[in-house]
Amino acid sequence: MSLEKIKKIDKIEIVGDYKILQVREAIVVEENGVELSSSYHRCSFTPSDDVSSQPDEIKNIANLLWTDELKQKYADSLEIE
């Protein structure tokens, strides 16, 4: 009888003008290769977030989408008028 907990990113969505990344991680518990349970954890990242500690998949998408121009536009949108 062998229990295993598997975590993997199963969905990344790019949302809105500022290319917000919405990430879903699937968490599956298996016994001898048979799924016993599963759940999800969700988080999001904005152009002002530091994603350097995130998996390469997230870093690569962020680096591709979040240009300096986009980061500045996002920062400008946060300023209180």
PDB file of N, CA and C in Angstrom:
ATOM      1  N   MET A   1       0.853  -1.166   0.000  1.00  0.00           N
ATOM      2  CA  MET A   1       0.000   0.000   0.000  1.00  0.00           C
ATOM      3  C   MET A   1       0.902   1.233   0.000  1.00  0.00           C
ATOM      4  N   SER A   2       0.860   1.956  -1.099  1.00  0.00           N
ATOM      5  CA  SER A   2       1.717   3.129  -1.268  1.00  0.00           C
ATOM      6  C   SER A   2       0.872   4.356  -1.574  1.00  0.00           C
ATOM      7  N   LEU A   3       0.938   5.347  -0.679  1.00  0.00           N
ATOM      8  CA  LEU A   3       0.228   6.604  -0.898  1.00  0.00           C
ATOM      9  C   LEU A   3       1.172   7.608  -1.538  1.00  0.00           C
ATOM     10  N   GLU A   4       0.645   8.374  -2.467  1.00  0.00           N
ATOM     11  CA  GLU A   4       1.441   9.392  -3.140  1.00  0.00           C
ATOM     12  C   GLU A   4       0.607  10.655  -3.326  1.00  0.00           C
ATOM     13  N   LYS A   5       1.201  11.787  -3.002  1.00  0.00           N
ATOM     14  CA  LYS A   5       0.549  13.085  -3.200  1.00  0.00           C
ATOM     15  C   LYS A   5       1.237  13.761  -4.381  1.00  0.00           C
ATOM     16  N   ILE A   6       0.460  14.089  -5.402  1.00  0.00           N
ATOM     17  CA  ILE A   6       0.993  14.661  -6.633  1.00  0.00           C
ATOM     18  C   ILE A   6       0.431  16.067  -6.810  1.00  0.00           C
ATOM     19  N   LYS A   7       1.325  17.027  -7.016  1.00  0.00           N
ATOM     20  CA  LYS A   7       0.914  18.405  -7.283  1.00  0.00           C
ATOM     21  C   LYS A   7       1.391  18.780  -8.675  1.00  0.00           C
ATOM     22  N   LYS A   8       0.487  19.387  -9.457  1.00  0.00           N
ATOM     23  CA  LYS A   8       0.901  19.846 -10.781  1.00  0.00           C
ATOM     24  C   LYS A   8       0.008  20.999 -11.220  1.00  0.00           C
ATOM     25  N   ILE A   9       0.594  21.919 -11.945  1.00  0.00           N
ATOM     26  CA  ILE A   9      -0.175  23.021 -12.516  1.00  0.00           C
ATOM     27  C   ILE A   9      -0.981  22.435 -13.660  1.00  0.00           C
ATOM     28  N   ASP A  10      -2.286  22.592 -13.600  1.00  0.00           N
ATOM     29  CA  ASP A  10      -3.110  22.020 -14.669  1.00  0.00           C
ATOM     30  C   ASP A  10      -3.850  23.074 -15.475  1.00  0.00           C
ATOM     31  N   LYS A  11      -3.752  24.349 -15.058  1.00  0.00           N
ATOM     32  CA  LYS A  11      -4.417  25.390 -15.838  1.00  0.00           C
ATOM     33  C   LYS A  11      -3.759  26.733 -15.555  1.00  0.00           C
ATOM     34  N   ILE A  12      -3.470  27.466 -16.626  1.00  0.00           N
ATOM     35  CA  ILE A  12      -2.996  28.844 -16.502  1.00  0.00           C
ATOM     36  C   ILE A  12      -3.846  29.679 -17.456  1.00  0.00           C
ATOM     37  N   GLU A  13      -4.490  30.695 -16.912  1.00  0.00           N
ATOM     38  CA  GLU A  13      -5.316  31.587 -17.721  1.00  0.00           C
ATOM     39  C   GLU A  13      -4.699  32.972 -17.713  1.00  0.00           C
ATOM     40  N   ILE A  14      -4.789  33.659 -18.848  1.00  0.00           N
ATOM     41  CA  ILE A  14      -4.306  35.033 -18.989  1.00  0.00           C
ATOM     42  C   ILE A  14      -5.543  35.908 -19.108  1.00  0.00           C
ATOM     43  N   VAL A  15      -5.692  36.842 -18.147  1.00  0.00           N
ATOM     44  CA  VAL A  15      -6.948  37.571 -18.024  1.00  0.00           C
ATOM     45  C   VAL A  15      -6.722  39.079 -18.101  1.00  0.00           C
ATOM     46  N   GLY A  16      -7.535  39.738 -18.913  1.00  0.00           N
ATOM     47  CA  GLY A  16      -7.615  41.195 -18.906  1.00  0.00           C
ATOM     48  C   GLY A  16      -6.503  41.930 -19.619  1.00  0.00           C
ATOM     49  N   ASP A  17      -6.636  43.255 -19.612  1.00  0.00           N
ATOM     50  CA  ASP A  17      -5.697  44.137 -20.296  1.00  0.00           C
ATOM     51  C   ASP A  17      -4.288  44.048 -19.735  1.00  0.00           C
ATOM     52  N   TYR A  18      -4.173  43.715 -18.445  1.00  0.00           N
ATOM     53  CA  TYR A  18      -2.862  43.704 -17.798  1.00  0.00           C
ATOM     54  C   TYR A  18      -2.264  42.305 -17.705  1.00  0.00           C
ATOM     55  N   LYS A  19      -2.866  41.365 -18.407  1.00  0.00           N
ATOM     56  CA  LYS A  19      -2.347  39.999 -18.514  1.00  0.00           C
ATOM     57  C   LYS A  19      -2.115  39.350 -17.141  1.00  0.00           C
ATOM     58  N   ILE A  20      -3.136  39.416 -16.293  1.00  0.00           N
ATOM     59  CA  ILE A  20      -3.087  38.768 -14.989  1.00  0.00           C
ATOM     60  C   ILE A  20      -3.038  37.255 -15.216  1.00  0.00           C
ATOM     61  N   LEU A  21      -2.140  36.574 -14.518  1.00  0.00           N
ATOM     62  CA  LEU A  21      -2.043  35.120 -14.640  1.00  0.00           C
ATOM     63  C   LEU A  21      -2.837  34.474 -13.511  1.00  0.00           C
ATOM     64  N   GLN A  22      -3.799  33.660 -13.874  1.00  0.00           N
ATOM     65  CA  GLN A  22      -4.558  32.882 -12.901  1.00  0.00           C
ATOM     66  C   GLN A  22      -4.101  31.433 -13.039  1.00  0.00           C
ATOM     67  N   VAL A  23      -3.634  30.879 -11.940  1.00  0.00           N
ATOM     68  CA  VAL A  23      -3.009  29.558 -11.963  1.00  0.00           C
ATOM     69  C   VAL A  23      -3.804  28.602 -11.076  1.00  0.00           C
ATOM     70  N   ARG A  24      -4.063  27.417 -11.608  1.00  0.00           N
ATOM     71  CA  ARG A  24      -4.719  26.373 -10.826  1.00  0.00           C
ATOM     72  C   ARG A  24      -3.770  25.191 -10.709  1.00  0.00           C
ATOM     73  N   GLU A  25      -3.586  24.728  -9.475  1.00  0.00           N
ATOM     74  CA  GLU A  25      -2.747  23.574  -9.214  1.00  0.00           C
ATOM     75  C   GLU A  25      -3.640  22.426  -8.743  1.00  0.00           C
ATOM     76  N   ALA A  26      -3.516  21.299  -9.390  1.00  0.00           N
ATOM     77  CA  ALA A  26      -4.257  20.108  -8.982  1.00  0.00           C
ATOM     78  C   ALA A  26      -3.425  19.346  -7.951  1.00  0.00           C
ATOM     79  N   ILE A  27      -4.087  18.887  -6.906  1.00  0.00           N
ATOM     80  CA  ILE A  27      -3.440  18.089  -5.868  1.00  0.00           C
ATOM     81  C   ILE A  27      -4.187  16.764  -5.804  1.00  0.00           C
ATOM     82  N   VAL A  28      -3.487  15.691  -6.137  1.00  0.00           N
ATOM     83  CA  VAL A  28      -4.111  14.375  -6.228  1.00  0.00           C
ATOM     84  C   VAL A  28      -3.422  13.424  -5.245  1.00  0.00           C
ATOM     85  N   VAL A  29      -4.225  12.678  -4.499  1.00  0.00           N
ATOM     86  CA  VAL A  29      -3.696  11.630  -3.615  1.00  0.00           C
ATOM     87  C   VAL A  29      -4.057  10.296  -4.270  1.00  0.00           C
ATOM     88  N   GLU A  30      -3.000   9.490  -4.481  1.00  0.00           N
ATOM     89  CA  GLU A  30      -3.188   8.185  -5.110  1.00  0.00           C
ATOM     90  C   GLU A  30      -2.679   7.081  -4.197  1.00  0.00           C
ATOM     91  N   GLU A  31      -3.338   5.932  -4.293  1.00  0.00           N
ATOM     92  CA  GLU A  31      -2.868   4.719  -3.613  1.00  0.00           C
ATOM     93  C   GLU A  31      -2.679   3.654  -4.674  1.00  0.00           C
ATOM     94  N   ASN A  32      -1.442   3.213  -4.830  1.00  0.00           N
ATOM     95  CA  ASN A  32      -1.108   2.201  -5.840  1.00  0.00           C
ATOM     96  C   ASN A  32      -1.625   2.594  -7.221  1.00  0.00           C
ATOM     97  N   GLY A  33      -1.493   3.883  -7.568  1.00  0.00           N
ATOM     98  CA  GLY A  33      -1.898   4.355  -8.885  1.00  0.00           C
ATOM     99  C   GLY A  33      -3.376   4.662  -9.038  1.00  0.00           C
ATOM    100  N   VAL A  34      -4.168   4.467  -7.985  1.00  0.00           N
ATOM    101  CA  VAL A  34      -5.608   4.730  -8.030  1.00  0.00           C
ATOM    102  C   VAL A  34      -5.888   6.028  -7.272  1.00  0.00           C
ATOM    103  N   GLU A  35      -6.559   6.950  -7.926  1.00  0.00           N
ATOM    104  CA  GLU A  35      -6.870   8.233  -7.302  1.00  0.00           C
ATOM    105  C   GLU A  35      -7.868   8.061  -6.168  1.00  0.00           C
ATOM    106  N   LEU A  36      -7.469   8.549  -4.987  1.00  0.00           N
ATOM    107  CA  LEU A  36      -8.351   8.500  -3.828  1.00  0.00           C
ATOM    108  C   LEU A  36      -9.078   9.819  -3.628  1.00  0.00           C
ATOM    109  N   SER A  37      -8.374  10.908  -3.879  1.00  0.00           N
ATOM    110  CA  SER A  37      -8.989  12.230  -3.725  1.00  0.00           C
ATOM    111  C   SER A  37      -8.219  13.249  -4.558  1.00  0.00           C
ATOM    112  N   SER A  38      -8.897  14.365  -4.805  1.00  0.00           N
ATOM    113  CA  SER A  38      -8.244  15.458  -5.519  1.00  0.00           C
ATOM    114  C   SER A  38      -8.823  16.774  -5.032  1.00  0.00           C
ATOM    115  N   SER A  39      -8.019  17.800  -5.151  1.00  0.00           N
ATOM    116  CA  SER A  39      -8.463  19.146  -4.802  1.00  0.00           C
ATOM    117  C   SER A  39      -7.661  20.131  -5.649  1.00  0.00           C
ATOM    118  N   TYR A  40      -8.024  21.402  -5.547  1.00  0.00           N
ATOM    119  CA  TYR A  40      -7.355  22.433  -6.326  1.00  0.00           C
ATOM    120  C   TYR A  40      -6.923  23.578  -5.422  1.00  0.00           C
ATOM    121  N   HIS A  41      -5.847  24.199  -5.812  1.00  0.00           N
ATOM    122  CA  HIS A  41      -5.384  25.426  -5.168  1.00  0.00           C
ATOM    123  C   HIS A  41      -5.234  26.449  -6.286  1.00  0.00           C
ATOM    124  N   ARG A  42      -5.747  27.653  -6.044  1.00  0.00           N
ATOM    125  CA  ARG A  42      -5.677  28.694  -7.063  1.00  0.00           C
ATOM    126  C   ARG A  42      -4.926  29.897  -6.518  1.00  0.00           C
ATOM    127  N   CYS A  43      -4.217  30.572  -7.419  1.00  0.00           N
ATOM    128  CA  CYS A  43      -3.559  31.829  -7.070  1.00  0.00           C
ATOM    129  C   CYS A  43      -3.465  32.659  -8.354  1.00  0.00           C
ATOM    130  N   SER A  44      -3.146  33.921  -8.180  1.00  0.00           N
ATOM    131  CA  SER A  44      -3.007  34.788  -9.347  1.00  0.00           C
ATOM    132  C   SER A  44      -1.776  35.659  -9.179  1.00  0.00           C
ATOM    133  N   PHE A  45      -1.262  36.123 -10.308  1.00  0.00           N
ATOM    134  CA  PHE A  45      -0.074  36.956 -10.339  1.00  0.00           C
ATOM    135  C   PHE A  45      -0.329  38.151 -11.246  1.00  0.00           C
ATOM    136  N   THR A  46       0.100  39.313 -10.773  1.00  0.00           N
ATOM    137  CA  THR A  46      -0.039  40.550 -11.544  1.00  0.00           C
ATOM    138  C   THR A  46       1.332  40.974 -12.049  1.00  0.00           C
ATOM    139  N   PRO A  47       1.376  41.924 -12.998  1.00  0.00           N
ATOM    140  CA  PRO A  47       2.671  42.384 -13.512  1.00  0.00           C
ATOM    141  C   PRO A  47       3.587  42.996 -12.455  1.00  0.00           C
ATOM    142  N   SER A  48       3.059  43.355 -11.295  1.00  0.00           N
ATOM    143  CA  SER A  48       3.915  43.904 -10.240  1.00  0.00           C
ATOM    144  C   SER A  48       4.465  42.817  -9.303  1.00  0.00           C
ATOM    145  N   ASP A  49       4.050  41.572  -9.495  1.00  0.00           N
ATOM    146  CA  ASP A  49       4.492  40.477  -8.625  1.00  0.00           C
ATOM    147  C   ASP A  49       5.854  39.929  -9.049  1.00  0.00           C
ATOM    148  N   ASP A  50       6.607  39.478  -8.055  1.00  0.00           N
ATOM    149  CA  ASP A  50       7.877  38.798  -8.295  1.00  0.00           C
ATOM    150  C   ASP A  50       7.577  37.309  -8.458  1.00  0.00           C
ATOM    151  N   VAL A  51       7.791  36.774  -9.641  1.00  0.00           N
ATOM    152  CA  VAL A  51       7.496  35.364  -9.899  1.00  0.00           C
ATOM    153  C   VAL A  51       8.771  34.521  -9.969  1.00  0.00           C
ATOM    154  N   SER A  52       9.892  35.075  -9.528  1.00  0.00           N
ATOM    155  CA  SER A  52      11.177  34.381  -9.647  1.00  0.00           C
ATOM    156  C   SER A  52      11.224  33.056  -8.890  1.00  0.00           C
ATOM    157  N   SER A  53      10.406  32.896  -7.867  1.00  0.00           N
ATOM    158  CA  SER A  53      10.403  31.637  -7.113  1.00  0.00           C
ATOM    159  C   SER A  53       9.341  30.654  -7.610  1.00  0.00           C
ATOM    160  N   GLN A  54       8.625  31.024  -8.648  1.00  0.00           N
ATOM    161  CA  GLN A  54       7.569  30.167  -9.200  1.00  0.00           C
ATOM    162  C   GLN A  54       8.158  29.169 -10.201  1.00  0.00           C
ATOM    163  N   PRO A  55       7.400  28.135 -10.555  1.00  0.00           N
ATOM    164  CA  PRO A  55       7.872  27.170 -11.554  1.00  0.00           C
ATOM    165  C   PRO A  55       8.185  27.853 -12.890  1.00  0.00           C
ATOM    166  N   ASP A  56       9.087  27.246 -13.649  1.00  0.00           N
ATOM    167  CA  ASP A  56       9.511  27.809 -14.935  1.00  0.00           C
ATOM    168  C   ASP A  56       8.339  28.107 -15.858  1.00  0.00           C
ATOM    169  N   GLU A  57       7.329  27.279 -15.827  1.00  0.00           N
ATOM    170  CA  GLU A  57       6.161  27.469 -16.688  1.00  0.00           C
ATOM    171  C   GLU A  57       5.522  28.848 -16.456  1.00  0.00           C
ATOM    172  N   ILE A  58       5.397  29.237 -15.210  1.00  0.00           N
ATOM    173  CA  ILE A  58       4.820  30.538 -14.871  1.00  0.00           C
ATOM    174  C   ILE A  58       5.792  31.654 -15.203  1.00  0.00           C
ATOM    175  N   LYS A  59       7.066  31.476 -14.842  1.00  0.00           N
ATOM    176  CA  LYS A  59       8.081  32.501 -15.138  1.00  0.00           C
ATOM    177  C   LYS A  59       8.177  32.780 -16.627  1.00  0.00           C
ATOM    178  N   ASN A  60       8.167  31.733 -17.435  1.00  0.00           N
ATOM    179  CA  ASN A  60       8.291  31.912 -18.890  1.00  0.00           C
ATOM    180  C   ASN A  60       7.118  32.701 -19.470  1.00  0.00           C
ATOM    181  N   ILE A  61       5.918  32.405 -19.021  1.00  0.00           N
ATOM    182  CA  ILE A  61       4.744  33.128 -19.512  1.00  0.00           C
ATOM    183  C   ILE A  61       4.791  34.583 -19.064  1.00  0.00           C
ATOM    184  N   ALA A  62       5.130  34.802 -17.800  1.00  0.00           N
ATOM    185  CA  ALA A  62       5.221  36.174 -17.278  1.00  0.00           C
ATOM    186  C   ALA A  62       6.272  36.973 -18.046  1.00  0.00           C
ATOM    187  N   ASN A  63       7.429  36.384 -18.277  1.00  0.00           N
ATOM    188  CA  ASN A  63       8.489  37.089 -18.998  1.00  0.00           C
ATOM    189  C   ASN A  63       8.089  37.414 -20.436  1.00  0.00           C
ATOM    190  N   LEU A  64       7.296  36.560 -21.017  1.00  0.00           N
ATOM    191  CA  LEU A  64       6.839  36.787 -22.383  1.00  0.00           C
ATOM    192  C   LEU A  64       5.799  37.908 -22.459  1.00  0.00           C
ATOM    193  N   LEU A  65       4.868  37.923 -21.531  1.00  0.00           N
ATOM    194  CA  LEU A  65       3.741  38.856 -21.586  1.00  0.00           C
ATOM    195  C   LEU A  65       3.999  40.194 -20.914  1.00  0.00           C
ATOM    196  N   TRP A  66       4.721  40.186 -19.811  1.00  0.00           N
ATOM    197  CA  TRP A  66       4.852  41.385 -18.989  1.00  0.00           C
ATOM    198  C   TRP A  66       6.029  42.243 -19.438  1.00  0.00           C
ATOM    199  N   THR A  67       5.819  42.982 -20.488  1.00  0.00           N
ATOM    200  CA  THR A  67       6.835  43.910 -20.974  1.00  0.00           C
ATOM    201  C   THR A  67       6.967  45.069 -19.988  1.00  0.00           C
ATOM    202  N   ASP A  68       8.039  45.832 -20.121  1.00  0.00           N
ATOM    203  CA  ASP A  68       8.213  47.011 -19.262  1.00  0.00           C
ATOM    204  C   ASP A  68       7.060  47.991 -19.461  1.00  0.00           C
ATOM    205  N   GLU A  69       6.595  48.110 -20.695  1.00  0.00           N
ATOM    206  CA  GLU A  69       5.464  49.000 -20.989  1.00  0.00           C
ATOM    207  C   GLU A  69       4.200  48.540 -20.258  1.00  0.00           C
ATOM    208  N   LEU A  70       3.922  47.247 -20.301  1.00  0.00           N
ATOM    209  CA  LEU A  70       2.740  46.716 -19.615  1.00  0.00           C
ATOM    210  C   LEU A  70       2.865  46.891 -18.106  1.00  0.00           C
ATOM    211  N   LYS A  71       4.048  46.631 -17.566  1.00  0.00           N
ATOM    212  CA  LYS A  71       4.257  46.808 -16.124  1.00  0.00           C
ATOM    213  C   LYS A  71       3.995  48.254 -15.712  1.00  0.00           C
ATOM    214  N   GLN A  72       4.438  49.199 -16.539  1.00  0.00           N
ATOM    215  CA  GLN A  72       4.228  50.605 -16.216  1.00  0.00           C
ATOM    216  C   GLN A  72       2.745  50.968 -16.301  1.00  0.00           C
ATOM    217  N   LYS A  73       2.067  50.476 -17.322  1.00  0.00           N
ATOM    218  CA  LYS A  73       0.629  50.725 -17.440  1.00  0.00           C
ATOM    219  C   LYS A  73      -0.126  50.173 -16.227  1.00  0.00           C
ATOM    220  N   TYR A  74       0.273  48.982 -15.800  1.00  0.00           N
ATOM    221  CA  TYR A  74      -0.378  48.381 -14.619  1.00  0.00           C
ATOM    222  C   TYR A  74      -0.113  49.228 -13.382  1.00  0.00           C
ATOM    223  N   ALA A  75       1.120  49.646 -13.186  1.00  0.00           N
ATOM    224  CA  ALA A  75       1.470  50.479 -12.034  1.00  0.00           C
ATOM    225  C   ALA A  75       0.686  51.799 -12.064  1.00  0.00           C
ATOM    226  N   ASP A  76       0.565  52.383 -13.249  1.00  0.00           N
ATOM    227  CA  ASP A  76      -0.182  53.635 -13.390  1.00  0.00           C
ATOM    228  C   ASP A  76      -1.659  53.430 -13.023  1.00  0.00           C
ATOM    229  N   SER A  77      -2.198  52.254 -13.337  1.00  0.00           N
ATOM    230  CA  SER A  77      -3.606  51.993 -13.061  1.00  0.00           C
ATOM    231  C   SER A  77      -3.869  51.876 -11.562  1.00  0.00           C
ATOM    232  N   LEU A  78      -2.842  51.617 -10.784  1.00  0.00           N
ATOM    233  CA  LEU A  78      -2.993  51.443  -9.342  1.00  0.00           C
ATOM    234  C   LEU A  78      -2.907  52.766  -8.569  1.00  0.00           C
ATOM    235  N   GLU A  79      -2.420  53.805  -9.237  1.00  0.00           N
ATOM    236  CA  GLU A  79      -2.259  55.089  -8.563  1.00  0.00           C
ATOM    237  C   GLU A  79      -3.627  55.672  -8.214  1.00  0.00           C
ATOM    238  N   ILE A  80      -3.713  56.243  -7.038  1.00  0.00           N
ATOM    239  CA  ILE A  80      -4.951  56.863  -6.583  1.00  0.00           C
ATOM    240  C   ILE A  80      -5.055  58.251  -7.193  1.00  0.00           C
ATOM    241  N   GLU A  81      -6.196  58.538  -7.764  1.00  0.00           N
ATOM    242  CA  GLU A  81      -6.394  59.833  -8.411  1.00  0.00           C
ATOM    243  C   GLU A  81      -6.940  60.847  -7.438  1.00  0.00           C
TER     244      GLU A  81
END
